Amino acid sequence: MEQTVIKLAIQKSGRLSEKSIELLKNCGIKFVSNSSSLKTKAFNFPMEILFLRDDDIPRYVADGVADFGILGMNEIVEQNQEVEVIKKLGFSKCRLSIAVPNDFKYESIHSLEGKKIATSYPVLLEKHLQSVGVKAEIHEISGSVEIAPTIGLADAICDLVSTGGTLLMNGLKEVEEIFKSEAALIGNVNLTVEKKALLAKWMLRVEAVEKAQNNKYILMNVPNSAIEEVCKLLPGMKSPTIIPLQTEGWSSVHSVIHEDAFWEIIEKVKAAGAEGILVCPIEQMVL
């Protein structure tokens, strides 16, 4: 009987591709890829990986050529294919924004009434303009959107922004954010029972990696007289682990701290008497 294999489509190049490959490898999925390869198979998990253009991925998943895909929410909404958004992945965060030349007198979105706007995302832009009651001429172009005002093609642009450095280099200023995006996992809406079972196994790994990235493992030496106070400050998964040290009157306390509260808790346990605090990264975290 032929083994069930799930097919995952990811972007063939760029930062989103790099982060997607990093996620798979952090999940313990081993495979070989190179710049000229369009697909590869994992050695230790029933998965085939397809390397595609990001704007092609929604259609491939909707048509069942791929079972799943990783791409930005901006492309998922823009392409408007019949797919299921399974999970937002938290990386490759950016925003779709309108930008104008530095000398453009911009007071509000209504300053763009009757203007020409160049973009690779006409659906998202049109939806936003309609929501605010602005009529503008949309020019759909692919690549090098930032130069459109310079060559006289448009008065403004609508493009993805992460740091804003590219806009700055092209004499543009960001004036209106219209959509927040991040990487997401999408799936075909007609998956078999067998493929849903493989998805569940893979998602256990994905969630373990995600939890690990948001937490730190800490070890500290604490005088026994301060253990109760220190333990009250540590959230942990259930309770801190306490191991007696060879030095009489001291113990080693181990716990896990979420990165959002990390420094605040470290300051408090140190003030309570903790010493020799070590911080270690976590590769996976299964709860």
C-alpha atoms as a PDB file:
ATOM      1  CA  MET A   1       0.000   0.000   0.000  1.00  0.00           C
ATOM      2  CA  GLU A   2       1.394   3.376  -1.038  1.00  0.00           C
ATOM      3  CA  GLN A   3       2.330   5.684   1.836  1.00  0.00           C
ATOM      4  CA  THR A   4       0.316   8.883   2.205  1.00  0.00           C
ATOM      5  CA  VAL A   5       2.469  11.961   1.584  1.00  0.00           C
ATOM      6  CA  ILE A   6       1.494  15.584   2.143  1.00  0.00           C
ATOM      7  CA  LYS A   7       2.644  18.224  -0.327  1.00  0.00           C
ATOM      8  CA  LEU A   8       3.697  21.602   1.040  1.00  0.00           C
ATOM      9  CA  ALA A   9       4.224  24.631  -1.227  1.00  0.00           C
ATOM     10  CA  ILE A  10       6.584  27.386  -0.106  1.00  0.00           C
ATOM     11  CA  GLN A  11       8.036  30.436  -1.796  1.00  0.00           C
ATOM     12  CA  LYS A  12      11.016  29.470  -3.965  1.00  0.00           C
ATOM     13  CA  SER A  13      13.232  32.399  -2.957  1.00  0.00           C
ATOM     14  CA  GLY A  14      13.367  35.381  -0.621  1.00  0.00           C
ATOM     15  CA  ARG A  15      13.113  35.914   3.110  1.00  0.00           C
ATOM     16  CA  LEU A  16       9.772  34.110   3.456  1.00  0.00           C
ATOM     17  CA  SER A  17      11.336  31.058   1.797  1.00  0.00           C
ATOM     18  CA  GLU A  18      14.268  31.161   4.219  1.00  0.00           C
ATOM     19  CA  LYS A  19      11.984  31.421   7.255  1.00  0.00           C
ATOM     20  CA  SER A  20       9.739  28.605   5.982  1.00  0.00           C
ATOM     21  CA  ILE A  21      12.751  26.306   5.496  1.00  0.00           C
ATOM     22  CA  GLU A  22      14.011  27.280   8.958  1.00  0.00           C
ATOM     23  CA  LEU A  23      10.632  26.340  10.460  1.00  0.00           C
ATOM     24  CA  LEU A  24      10.659  22.933   8.778  1.00  0.00           C
ATOM     25  CA  LYS A  25      14.197  22.187   9.949  1.00  0.00           C
ATOM     26  CA  ASN A  26      13.374  23.330  13.496  1.00  0.00           C
ATOM     27  CA  CYS A  27      10.516  20.822  13.361  1.00  0.00           C
ATOM     28  CA  GLY A  28      13.085  18.095  12.718  1.00  0.00           C
ATOM     29  CA  ILE A  29      12.076  17.620   9.075  1.00  0.00           C
ATOM     30  CA  LYS A  30      15.195  16.836   7.046  1.00  0.00           C
ATOM     31  CA  PHE A  31      15.504  17.491   3.307  1.00  0.00           C
ATOM     32  CA  VAL A  32      17.917  18.832   0.710  1.00  0.00           C
ATOM     33  CA  SER A  33      17.110  21.864  -1.425  1.00  0.00           C
ATOM     34  CA  ASN A  34      18.979  24.018  -3.899  1.00  0.00           C
ATOM     35  CA  SER A  35      18.197  27.113  -5.947  1.00  0.00           C
ATOM     36  CA  SER A  36      17.415  25.127  -9.118  1.00  0.00           C
ATOM     37  CA  SER A  37      15.154  22.519  -7.491  1.00  0.00           C
ATOM     38  CA  LEU A  38      11.376  22.877  -7.826  1.00  0.00           C
ATOM     39  CA  LYS A  39      10.571  20.080  -5.383  1.00  0.00           C
ATOM     40  CA  THR A  40      12.193  17.804  -2.838  1.00  0.00           C
ATOM     41  CA  LYS A  41      11.193  15.028  -0.453  1.00  0.00           C
ATOM     42  CA  ALA A  42      11.807  14.874   3.278  1.00  0.00           C
ATOM     43  CA  PHE A  43      13.943  11.970   4.473  1.00  0.00           C
ATOM     44  CA  ASN A  44      12.231  11.419   7.807  1.00  0.00           C
ATOM     45  CA  PHE A  45       8.643  12.641   7.384  1.00  0.00           C
ATOM     46  CA  PRO A  46       6.043  11.852   4.683  1.00  0.00           C
ATOM     47  CA  MET A  47       6.233  15.304   3.081  1.00  0.00           C
ATOM     48  CA  GLU A  48       7.074  16.631  -0.360  1.00  0.00           C
ATOM     49  CA  ILE A  49       8.067  20.304  -0.602  1.00  0.00           C
ATOM     50  CA  LEU A  50       7.279  22.371  -3.713  1.00  0.00           C
ATOM     51  CA  PHE A  51       9.115  25.643  -4.412  1.00  0.00           C
ATOM     52  CA  LEU A  52       6.782  28.091  -6.174  1.00  0.00           C
ATOM     53  CA  ARG A  53       6.099  31.776  -6.770  1.00  0.00           C
ATOM     54  CA  ASP A  54       4.210  33.109  -3.762  1.00  0.00           C
ATOM     55  CA  ASP A  55       1.282  34.394  -5.844  1.00  0.00           C
ATOM     56  CA  ASP A  56       0.852  30.918  -7.394  1.00  0.00           C
ATOM     57  CA  ILE A  57       0.630  29.086  -4.072  1.00  0.00           C
ATOM     58  CA  PRO A  58      -3.049  29.839  -3.230  1.00  0.00           C
ATOM     59  CA  ARG A  59      -4.233  28.489  -6.592  1.00  0.00           C
ATOM     60  CA  TYR A  60      -2.074  25.357  -6.336  1.00  0.00           C
ATOM     61  CA  VAL A  61      -3.478  24.642  -2.864  1.00  0.00           C
ATOM     62  CA  ALA A  62      -7.055  25.367  -3.939  1.00  0.00           C
ATOM     63  CA  ASP A  63      -6.681  23.034  -6.946  1.00  0.00           C
ATOM     64  CA  GLY A  64      -5.159  20.260  -4.807  1.00  0.00           C
ATOM     65  CA  VAL A  65      -1.769  20.242  -6.554  1.00  0.00           C
ATOM     66  CA  ALA A  66      -0.385  21.062  -3.098  1.00  0.00           C
ATOM     67  CA  ASP A  67      -2.108  20.131   0.146  1.00  0.00           C
ATOM     68  CA  PHE A  68      -0.694  23.050   2.128  1.00  0.00           C
ATOM     69  CA  GLY A  69       1.155  26.289   1.556  1.00  0.00           C
ATOM     70  CA  ILE A  70       3.109  28.846   3.545  1.00  0.00           C
ATOM     71  CA  LEU A  71       2.822  32.437   2.358  1.00  0.00           C
ATOM     72  CA  GLY A  72       1.894  35.924   3.483  1.00  0.00           C
ATOM     73  CA  MET A  73      -1.652  36.810   4.491  1.00  0.00           C
ATOM     74  CA  ASN A  74      -1.463  39.626   1.921  1.00  0.00           C
ATOM     75  CA  GLU A  75      -1.236  37.102  -0.932  1.00  0.00           C
ATOM     76  CA  ILE A  76      -3.906  34.864   0.593  1.00  0.00           C
ATOM     77  CA  VAL A  77      -6.427  37.711   0.667  1.00  0.00           C
ATOM     78  CA  GLU A  78      -5.284  39.212  -2.654  1.00  0.00           C
ATOM     79  CA  GLN A  79      -5.617  35.931  -4.590  1.00  0.00           C
ATOM     80  CA  ASN A  80      -8.985  35.112  -2.965  1.00  0.00           C
ATOM     81  CA  GLN A  81      -8.826  31.366  -3.606  1.00  0.00           C
ATOM     82  CA  GLU A  82     -10.931  28.765  -1.789  1.00  0.00           C
ATOM     83  CA  VAL A  83      -8.413  27.689   0.861  1.00  0.00           C
ATOM     84  CA  GLU A  84      -8.449  27.321   4.641  1.00  0.00           C
ATOM     85  CA  VAL A  85      -6.181  29.466   6.793  1.00  0.00           C
ATOM     86  CA  ILE A  86      -4.965  26.858   9.285  1.00  0.00           C
ATOM     87  CA  LYS A  87      -2.558  28.914  11.389  1.00  0.00           C
ATOM     88  CA  LYS A  88      -0.818  32.278  11.398  1.00  0.00           C
ATOM     89  CA  LEU A  89       2.872  31.560  11.930  1.00  0.00           C
ATOM     90  CA  GLY A  90       4.125  34.784  13.483  1.00  0.00           C
ATOM     91  CA  PHE A  91       7.094  35.452  11.190  1.00  0.00           C
ATOM     92  CA  SER A  92       7.690  37.629   8.103  1.00  0.00           C
ATOM     93  CA  LYS A  93       5.496  40.353   9.573  1.00  0.00           C
ATOM     94  CA  CYS A  94       5.007  43.417   7.398  1.00  0.00           C
ATOM     95  CA  ARG A  95       2.321  45.868   6.341  1.00  0.00           C
ATOM     96  CA  LEU A  96       0.747  46.943   3.083  1.00  0.00           C
ATOM     97  CA  SER A  97       0.897  50.725   2.975  1.00  0.00           C
ATOM     98  CA  ILE A  98       0.329  53.664   0.693  1.00  0.00           C
ATOM     99  CA  ALA A  99       3.350  55.903   0.172  1.00  0.00           C
ATOM    100  CA  VAL A 100       3.747  59.218  -1.647  1.00  0.00           C
ATOM    101  CA  PRO A 101       6.740  61.346  -2.743  1.00  0.00           C
ATOM    102  CA  ASN A 102       8.235  63.459   0.022  1.00  0.00           C
ATOM    103  CA  ASP A 103       7.002  66.665  -1.637  1.00  0.00           C
ATOM    104  CA  PHE A 104       3.419  65.377  -1.982  1.00  0.00           C
ATOM    105  CA  LYS A 105       1.036  67.425   0.187  1.00  0.00           C
ATOM    106  CA  TYR A 106      -0.757  64.662   2.059  1.00  0.00           C
ATOM    107  CA  GLU A 107      -3.411  65.553   4.630  1.00  0.00           C
ATOM    108  CA  SER A 108      -5.563  62.401   4.658  1.00  0.00           C
ATOM    109  CA  ILE A 109      -6.504  59.445   2.479  1.00  0.00           C
ATOM    110  CA  HIS A 110      -8.823  61.815   0.618  1.00  0.00           C
ATOM    111  CA  SER A 111      -5.742  63.611  -0.721  1.00  0.00           C
ATOM    112  CA  LEU A 112      -5.540  60.677  -3.157  1.00  0.00           C
ATOM    113  CA  GLU A 113      -8.936  61.387  -4.713  1.00  0.00           C
ATOM    114  CA  GLY A 114      -8.534  61.185  -8.502  1.00  0.00           C
ATOM    115  CA  LYS A 115      -4.822  60.303  -8.248  1.00  0.00           C
ATOM    116  CA  LYS A 116      -2.959  57.386  -9.848  1.00  0.00           C
ATOM    117  CA  ILE A 117      -1.695  54.676  -7.481  1.00  0.00           C
ATOM    118  CA  ALA A 118       0.707  51.918  -8.602  1.00  0.00           C
ATOM    119  CA  THR A 119       0.551  48.562  -6.798  1.00  0.00           C
ATOM    120  CA  SER A 120       0.975  44.805  -7.052  1.00  0.00           C
ATOM    121  CA  TYR A 121      -2.056  44.390  -4.767  1.00  0.00           C
ATOM    122  CA  PRO A 122      -5.032  45.918  -6.628  1.00  0.00           C
ATOM    123  CA  VAL A 123      -7.674  43.865  -4.776  1.00  0.00           C
ATOM    124  CA  LEU A 124      -6.566  44.913  -1.291  1.00  0.00           C
ATOM    125  CA  LEU A 125      -6.047  48.512  -2.388  1.00  0.00           C
ATOM    126  CA  GLU A 126      -9.424  48.760  -4.119  1.00  0.00           C
ATOM    127  CA  LYS A 127     -11.165  47.274  -1.070  1.00  0.00           C
ATOM    128  CA  HIS A 128      -9.553  49.865   1.210  1.00  0.00           C
ATOM    129  CA  LEU A 129     -10.277  52.806  -1.065  1.00  0.00           C
ATOM    130  CA  GLN A 130     -13.920  51.768  -1.315  1.00  0.00           C
ATOM    131  CA  SER A 131     -14.154  51.482   2.479  1.00  0.00           C
ATOM    132  CA  VAL A 132     -13.044  55.124   2.911  1.00  0.00           C
ATOM    133  CA  GLY A 133     -14.950  56.500  -0.077  1.00  0.00           C
ATOM    134  CA  VAL A 134     -11.961  57.452  -2.230  1.00  0.00           C
ATOM    135  CA  LYS A 135     -11.922  57.046  -6.012  1.00  0.00           C
ATOM    136  CA  ALA A 136      -8.453  56.692  -7.505  1.00  0.00           C
ATOM    137  CA  GLU A 137      -6.949  55.164 -10.640  1.00  0.00           C
ATOM    138  CA  ILE A 138      -5.149  51.917  -9.809  1.00  0.00           C
ATOM    139  CA  HIS A 139      -2.228  50.812 -11.985  1.00  0.00           C
ATOM    140  CA  GLU A 140      -1.349  47.150 -11.418  1.00  0.00           C
ATOM    141  CA  ILE A 141       2.366  46.475 -11.885  1.00  0.00           C
ATOM    142  CA  SER A 142       4.715  43.736 -10.667  1.00  0.00           C
ATOM    143  CA  GLY A 143       8.094  44.555  -9.197  1.00  0.00           C
ATOM    144  CA  SER A 144       9.871  47.892  -8.741  1.00  0.00           C
ATOM    145  CA  VAL A 145       6.702  49.598  -7.564  1.00  0.00           C
ATOM    146  CA  GLU A 146       8.776  52.250  -5.753  1.00  0.00           C
ATOM    147  CA  ILE A 147       9.969  53.884  -8.982  1.00  0.00           C
ATOM    148  CA  ALA A 148       6.460  54.488 -10.362  1.00  0.00           C
ATOM    149  CA  PRO A 149       6.196  58.110  -9.109  1.00  0.00           C
ATOM    150  CA  THR A 150       9.738  58.913 -10.320  1.00  0.00           C
ATOM    151  CA  ILE A 151       9.012  57.850 -13.915  1.00  0.00           C
ATOM    152  CA  GLY A 152       5.621  59.552 -13.971  1.00  0.00           C
ATOM    153  CA  LEU A 153       3.540  56.362 -13.953  1.00  0.00           C
ATOM    154  CA  ALA A 154       1.704  57.194 -10.723  1.00  0.00           C
ATOM    155  CA  ASP A 155       1.251  59.827  -8.044  1.00  0.00           C
ATOM    156  CA  ALA A 156       1.546  57.283  -5.205  1.00  0.00           C
ATOM    157  CA  ILE A 157       2.250  53.620  -4.579  1.00  0.00           C
ATOM    158  CA  CYS A 158       0.804  50.849  -2.422  1.00  0.00           C
ATOM    159  CA  ASP A 159       3.373  48.223  -1.454  1.00  0.00           C
ATOM    160  CA  LEU A 160       4.633  45.975   1.339  1.00  0.00           C
ATOM    161  CA  VAL A 161       6.716  47.713   3.999  1.00  0.00           C
ATOM    162  CA  SER A 162       8.829  46.163   6.739  1.00  0.00           C
ATOM    163  CA  THR A 163      11.448  48.709   7.845  1.00  0.00           C
ATOM    164  CA  GLY A 164      10.641  51.514   5.396  1.00  0.00           C
ATOM    165  CA  GLY A 165      14.236  51.702   4.169  1.00  0.00           C
ATOM    166  CA  THR A 166      13.324  51.094   0.516  1.00  0.00           C
ATOM    167  CA  LEU A 167      10.785  53.907   0.591  1.00  0.00           C
ATOM    168  CA  LEU A 168      13.346  56.265   2.076  1.00  0.00           C
ATOM    169  CA  MET A 169      15.898  55.430  -0.617  1.00  0.00           C
ATOM    170  CA  ASN A 170      13.329  56.210  -3.314  1.00  0.00           C
ATOM    171  CA  GLY A 171      12.209  59.549  -1.875  1.00  0.00           C
ATOM    172  CA  LEU A 172       8.892  58.247  -0.573  1.00  0.00           C
ATOM    173  CA  LYS A 173       7.066  58.537   2.738  1.00  0.00           C
ATOM    174  CA  GLU A 174       4.578  56.080   4.218  1.00  0.00           C
ATOM    175  CA  VAL A 175       1.217  57.770   4.816  1.00  0.00           C
ATOM    176  CA  GLU A 176      -1.481  55.094   5.149  1.00  0.00           C
ATOM    177  CA  GLU A 177      -1.353  51.501   6.425  1.00  0.00           C
ATOM    178  CA  ILE A 178      -4.105  49.410   4.871  1.00  0.00           C
ATOM    179  CA  PHE A 179      -3.300  45.798   5.819  1.00  0.00           C
ATOM    180  CA  LYS A 180      -1.148  43.934   8.370  1.00  0.00           C
ATOM    181  CA  SER A 181       0.440  40.738   7.112  1.00  0.00           C
ATOM    182  CA  GLU A 182       2.442  37.781   8.375  1.00  0.00           C
ATOM    183  CA  ALA A 183       3.218  34.262   7.196  1.00  0.00           C
ATOM    184  CA  ALA A 184       0.380  31.773   7.463  1.00  0.00           C
ATOM    185  CA  LEU A 185      -0.249  28.103   6.753  1.00  0.00           C
ATOM    186  CA  ILE A 186      -3.112  27.432   4.358  1.00  0.00           C
ATOM    187  CA  GLY A 187      -4.661  24.117   3.392  1.00  0.00           C
ATOM    188  CA  ASN A 188      -6.862  22.545   0.759  1.00  0.00           C
ATOM    189  CA  VAL A 189     -10.479  22.404   1.926  1.00  0.00           C
ATOM    190  CA  ASN A 190     -10.929  18.760   0.799  1.00  0.00           C
ATOM    191  CA  LEU A 191      -8.119  16.969   2.634  1.00  0.00           C
ATOM    192  CA  THR A 192      -8.399  13.224   3.165  1.00  0.00           C
ATOM    193  CA  VAL A 193      -8.566  11.753   6.646  1.00  0.00           C
ATOM    194  CA  GLU A 194      -5.036  10.404   6.206  1.00  0.00           C
ATOM    195  CA  LYS A 195      -3.642  13.821   5.264  1.00  0.00           C
ATOM    196  CA  LYS A 196      -5.447  15.491   8.165  1.00  0.00           C
ATOM    197  CA  ALA A 197      -3.770  12.984  10.480  1.00  0.00           C
ATOM    198  CA  LEU A 198      -0.340  13.861   9.052  1.00  0.00           C
ATOM    199  CA  LEU A 199      -1.174  17.555   9.434  1.00  0.00           C
ATOM    200  CA  ALA A 200      -1.939  16.995  13.126  1.00  0.00           C
ATOM    201  CA  LYS A 201       1.461  15.305  13.605  1.00  0.00           C
ATOM    202  CA  TRP A 202       3.248  18.150  11.851  1.00  0.00           C
ATOM    203  CA  MET A 203       1.314  20.843  13.729  1.00  0.00           C
ATOM    204  CA  LEU A 204       2.367  19.280  17.046  1.00  0.00           C
ATOM    205  CA  ARG A 205       5.954  20.014  15.996  1.00  0.00           C
ATOM    206  CA  VAL A 206       5.150  23.504  14.716  1.00  0.00           C
ATOM    207  CA  GLU A 207       3.457  24.458  17.982  1.00  0.00           C
ATOM    208  CA  ALA A 208       6.345  22.996  19.999  1.00  0.00           C
ATOM    209  CA  VAL A 209       8.812  25.152  18.044  1.00  0.00           C
ATOM    210  CA  GLU A 210       6.587  28.215  18.440  1.00  0.00           C
ATOM    211  CA  LYS A 211       6.292  27.755  22.207  1.00  0.00           C
ATOM    212  CA  ALA A 212      10.041  27.222  22.501  1.00  0.00           C
ATOM    213  CA  GLN A 213      10.822  30.436  20.640  1.00  0.00           C
ATOM    214  CA  ASN A 214       8.664  32.423  23.051  1.00  0.00           C
ATOM    215  CA  ASN A 215      10.182  30.947  26.215  1.00  0.00           C
ATOM    216  CA  LYS A 216      13.549  30.719  27.960  1.00  0.00           C
ATOM    217  CA  TYR A 217      14.873  27.969  30.235  1.00  0.00           C
ATOM    218  CA  ILE A 218      16.581  29.374  33.334  1.00  0.00           C
ATOM    219  CA  LEU A 219      18.724  27.846  36.080  1.00  0.00           C
ATOM    220  CA  MET A 220      19.720  29.676  39.225  1.00  0.00           C
ATOM    221  CA  ASN A 221      21.340  29.029  42.573  1.00  0.00           C
ATOM    222  CA  VAL A 222      19.090  30.021  45.470  1.00  0.00           C
ATOM    223  CA  PRO A 223      19.645  29.895  49.242  1.00  0.00           C
ATOM    224  CA  ASN A 224      17.142  27.484  50.777  1.00  0.00           C
ATOM    225  CA  SER A 225      15.792  30.281  52.942  1.00  0.00           C
ATOM    226  CA  ALA A 226      14.693  32.167  49.779  1.00  0.00           C
ATOM    227  CA  ILE A 227      13.303  29.245  47.734  1.00  0.00           C
ATOM    228  CA  GLU A 228       9.672  29.822  48.696  1.00  0.00           C
ATOM    229  CA  GLU A 229       9.839  33.508  47.737  1.00  0.00           C
ATOM    230  CA  VAL A 230      11.672  32.794  44.446  1.00  0.00           C
ATOM    231  CA  CYS A 231       9.233  30.032  43.462  1.00  0.00           C
ATOM    232  CA  LYS A 232       6.298  32.397  43.902  1.00  0.00           C
ATOM    233  CA  LEU A 233       7.911  34.654  41.282  1.00  0.00           C
ATOM    234  CA  LEU A 234       8.419  31.874  38.720  1.00  0.00           C
ATOM    235  CA  PRO A 235       5.430  30.915  36.555  1.00  0.00           C
ATOM    236  CA  GLY A 236       6.913  27.673  35.149  1.00  0.00           C
ATOM    237  CA  MET A 237       4.882  25.034  33.298  1.00  0.00           C
ATOM    238  CA  LYS A 238       3.638  23.350  36.489  1.00  0.00           C
ATOM    239  CA  SER A 239       6.152  24.236  39.183  1.00  0.00           C
ATOM    240  CA  PRO A 240       9.905  24.947  39.296  1.00  0.00           C
ATOM    241  CA  THR A 241      12.348  22.038  39.625  1.00  0.00           C
ATOM    242  CA  ILE A 242      14.476  22.204  42.785  1.00  0.00           C
ATOM    243  CA  ILE A 243      17.742  20.246  43.098  1.00  0.00           C
ATOM    244  CA  PRO A 244      19.914  20.394  46.255  1.00  0.00           C
ATOM    245  CA  LEU A 245      23.474  21.609  45.683  1.00  0.00           C
ATOM    246  CA  GLN A 246      26.594  20.124  47.247  1.00  0.00           C
ATOM    247  CA  THR A 247      27.029  23.411  49.099  1.00  0.00           C
ATOM    248  CA  GLU A 248      24.919  23.130  52.228  1.00  0.00           C
ATOM    249  CA  GLY A 249      21.947  25.488  52.433  1.00  0.00           C
ATOM    250  CA  TRP A 250      21.698  26.063  48.650  1.00  0.00           C
ATOM    251  CA  SER A 251      19.626  24.577  45.817  1.00  0.00           C
ATOM    252  CA  SER A 252      19.468  24.857  42.024  1.00  0.00           C
ATOM    253  CA  VAL A 253      16.082  26.098  40.800  1.00  0.00           C
ATOM    254  CA  HIS A 254      15.045  25.424  37.188  1.00  0.00           C
ATOM    255  CA  SER A 255      12.075  26.971  35.386  1.00  0.00           C
ATOM    256  CA  VAL A 256      10.711  28.284  32.080  1.00  0.00           C
ATOM    257  CA  ILE A 257       9.876  31.965  31.593  1.00  0.00           C
ATOM    258  CA  HIS A 258       7.975  33.613  28.744  1.00  0.00           C
ATOM    259  CA  GLU A 259      10.184  36.162  27.005  1.00  0.00           C
ATOM    260  CA  ASP A 260       7.647  38.983  27.478  1.00  0.00           C
ATOM    261  CA  ALA A 261       8.084  38.825  31.267  1.00  0.00           C
ATOM    262  CA  PHE A 262      11.692  37.640  31.250  1.00  0.00           C
ATOM    263  CA  TRP A 263      13.637  40.685  32.490  1.00  0.00           C
ATOM    264  CA  GLU A 264      11.022  41.725  35.008  1.00  0.00           C
ATOM    265  CA  ILE A 265      11.109  38.269  36.636  1.00  0.00           C
ATOM    266  CA  ILE A 266      14.918  38.047  36.498  1.00  0.00           C
ATOM    267  CA  GLU A 267      15.223  41.344  38.379  1.00  0.00           C
ATOM    268  CA  LYS A 268      12.808  40.134  41.061  1.00  0.00           C
ATOM    269  CA  VAL A 269      14.435  36.720  41.668  1.00  0.00           C
ATOM    270  CA  LYS A 270      17.860  38.331  41.821  1.00  0.00           C
ATOM    271  CA  ALA A 271      16.583  40.784  44.418  1.00  0.00           C
ATOM    272  CA  ALA A 272      15.145  37.821  46.346  1.00  0.00           C
ATOM    273  CA  GLY A 273      18.599  36.214  46.596  1.00  0.00           C
ATOM    274  CA  ALA A 274      19.098  34.163  43.405  1.00  0.00           C
ATOM    275  CA  GLU A 275      22.662  33.973  42.067  1.00  0.00           C
ATOM    276  CA  GLY A 276      24.488  32.415  39.102  1.00  0.00           C
ATOM    277  CA  ILE A 277      21.478  32.764  36.803  1.00  0.00           C
ATOM    278  CA  LEU A 278      21.916  30.891  33.510  1.00  0.00           C
ATOM    279  CA  VAL A 279      19.615  31.348  30.527  1.00  0.00           C
ATOM    280  CA  CYS A 280      19.298  28.648  27.838  1.00  0.00           C
ATOM    281  CA  PRO A 281      17.385  28.588  24.534  1.00  0.00           C
ATOM    282  CA  ILE A 282      14.711  25.901  24.029  1.00  0.00           C
ATOM    283  CA  GLU A 283      14.504  23.992  20.737  1.00  0.00           C
ATOM    284  CA  GLN A 284      11.050  22.421  21.190  1.00  0.00           C
ATOM    285  CA  MET A 285       8.485  22.607  23.958  1.00  0.00           C
ATOM    286  CA  VAL A 286       5.652  20.042  24.093  1.00  0.00           C
ATOM    287  CA  LEU A 287       2.965  20.653  26.700  1.00  0.00           C
END
